[in-house]
Protein backbone atom coordinates (compact mmCIF):
# COMPACT_ATOMS: atom_id res chain seq x y z
CA MET A 1 0.17 0.03 0.02
CA ILE A 2 3.00 2.15 0.62
CA ASN A 3 3.96 2.45 -3.00
CA VAL A 4 0.31 2.97 -4.05
CA ALA A 5 -0.71 5.66 -1.60
CA THR A 6 2.93 7.83 -2.24
CA MET A 7 2.06 7.44 -5.83
CA ILE A 8 -1.28 8.73 -5.20
CA LEU A 9 -0.65 11.59 -3.06
CA ASN A 10 2.41 12.47 -5.80
CA GLU A 11 -0.21 12.68 -8.40
CA LEU A 12 -2.34 15.00 -6.04
CA GLY A 13 0.73 17.26 -5.99
CA ILE A 14 1.94 16.38 -2.13
CA LYS A 15 5.45 15.21 -2.75
CA ASP A 16 6.78 15.73 0.84
CA VAL A 17 5.89 12.04 1.64
CA VAL A 18 7.39 9.96 4.24
CA THR A 19 6.52 6.29 4.65
CA ALA A 20 7.12 3.58 7.02
CA LEU A 21 6.88 -0.28 6.55
CA THR A 22 5.57 -1.07 10.26
CA GLY A 23 3.88 0.68 13.30
CA ALA A 24 7.20 0.89 15.13
CA ASN A 25 9.04 2.20 12.29
CA ALA A 26 6.44 4.99 11.87
CA LEU A 27 6.99 5.51 15.39
CA THR A 28 10.71 6.00 15.19
CA ILE A 29 10.27 8.57 12.60
CA TYR A 30 7.80 10.30 14.35
CA ASP A 31 9.81 10.77 17.16
CA ASP A 32 13.03 11.78 15.35
CA ILE A 33 11.30 14.10 12.71
CA ASP A 34 11.75 18.04 13.23
CA GLU A 35 8.62 18.78 11.04
CA ILE A 36 5.16 18.75 11.88
CA ILE A 37 3.50 15.85 10.43
CA ASN A 38 0.25 16.84 8.98
CA VAL A 39 -1.41 13.67 8.29
CA ILE A 40 -0.83 9.91 8.78
CA ILE A 41 -2.40 7.05 6.60
CA CYS A 42 -2.47 4.44 8.90
CA ASP A 43 -3.26 0.86 7.11
CA LEU A 44 -4.67 -1.13 9.81
CA ASN A 45 -2.89 -4.39 8.69
CA MET A 46 0.82 -3.87 9.65
CA PRO A 47 3.66 -6.41 10.42
CA GLU A 48 4.94 -6.32 14.09
CA MET A 49 2.26 -3.76 15.31
CA ASP A 50 -0.96 -3.20 14.20
CA GLY A 51 -2.85 -0.13 13.32
CA ILE A 52 -4.87 0.12 16.33
CA GLU A 53 -1.79 0.11 18.58
CA LEU A 54 -0.12 2.65 16.37
CA LEU A 55 -3.08 4.56 16.96
CA ARG A 56 -2.60 4.24 20.78
CA HIS A 57 0.82 5.38 20.87
CA LEU A 58 -0.08 8.35 18.37
CA ALA A 59 -2.68 9.30 20.96
CA GLU A 60 -0.18 9.06 24.15
CA ARG A 61 1.92 11.39 22.23
CA ASN A 62 -0.68 13.90 21.82
CA TYR A 63 -0.85 13.64 17.85
CA THR A 64 -2.64 16.47 16.73
CA GLY A 65 -2.68 15.97 12.94
CA ALA A 66 -5.00 14.27 11.06
CA VAL A 67 -5.47 10.43 10.35
CA ILE A 68 -6.62 8.61 7.19
CA LEU A 69 -7.38 4.93 8.02
CA VAL A 70 -7.15 2.02 5.52
CA SER A 71 -7.88 -1.21 5.58
CA GLY A 72 -8.92 -4.50 3.10
CA GLU A 73 -11.05 -5.64 6.21
CA ASP A 74 -14.76 -5.03 6.43
CA ALA A 75 -16.36 -2.13 6.81
CA HIS A 76 -16.97 -3.01 10.56
CA ILE A 77 -13.34 -3.29 11.46
CA LEU A 78 -12.68 0.35 9.56
CA ASN A 79 -15.62 1.68 11.95
CA THR A 80 -14.32 0.18 15.24
CA ALA A 81 -10.92 1.60 14.56
CA GLU A 82 -12.32 5.05 13.79
CA LYS A 83 -14.48 4.83 16.71
CA PHE A 84 -11.48 3.93 18.95
CA ALA A 85 -9.43 6.83 17.29
CA LYS A 86 -12.24 9.44 17.86
CA GLU A 87 -12.32 8.14 21.54
CA HIS A 88 -8.65 8.67 21.68
CA ARG A 89 -8.77 12.28 20.46
CA LEU A 90 -7.63 11.83 17.09
CA ASN A 91 -8.57 13.53 13.88
CA VAL A 92 -9.78 11.06 11.38
CA ILE A 93 -10.70 12.66 8.39
CA GLY A 94 -10.92 9.65 6.35
CA VAL A 95 -11.68 6.03 6.28
CA LEU A 96 -11.03 3.91 3.31
CA GLU A 97 -11.41 0.33 2.22
CA LYS A 98 -8.79 -0.94 -0.05
CA PRO A 99 -8.08 -0.51 -2.89
CA ILE A 100 -7.51 3.37 -2.06
CA THR A 101 -8.18 5.22 -5.12
CA PRO A 102 -6.80 9.20 -5.77
CA ALA A 103 -10.76 10.64 -5.36
CA ALA A 104 -11.21 9.01 -2.05
CA ILE A 105 -7.58 10.24 -0.81
CA LYS A 106 -8.48 13.60 -2.31
CA ALA A 107 -11.92 13.50 -0.59
CA SER A 108 -10.47 12.89 2.51
CA LEU A 109 -7.89 15.62 2.36
CA ILE A 110 -10.21 18.42 1.29
CA LYS A 111 -11.45 17.63 5.19
CA LEU A 112 -8.59 19.34 6.19
CA LYS A 113 -9.30 22.88 4.48
CA ASN A 114 -12.84 22.59 5.23
CA PRO A 115 -13.53 20.52 8.66
């Protein structure tokens, strides 16, 4: 999904994209980066640490950016993850089923400008 999401973001004119293969890697990048991370696209199915655990860690770090949840699981799983994230005060701007599309990503990102 990383390559697909990066390609879609690049097509939408977003060139400053940082990727992580695992949740643990994402947290390391998050902790080490000096810049503000505006949006995290979180796949619920990742090796070593699933997306729910990553969301929990982001909430503990008081992440104030936006989150787009992505999964190949059914809508019930995505809805449960969205509820979990919102209960932990994360700003969920999109809940997308795979395969993700440019239109779906764009529709989510528009919410950043028009909350």
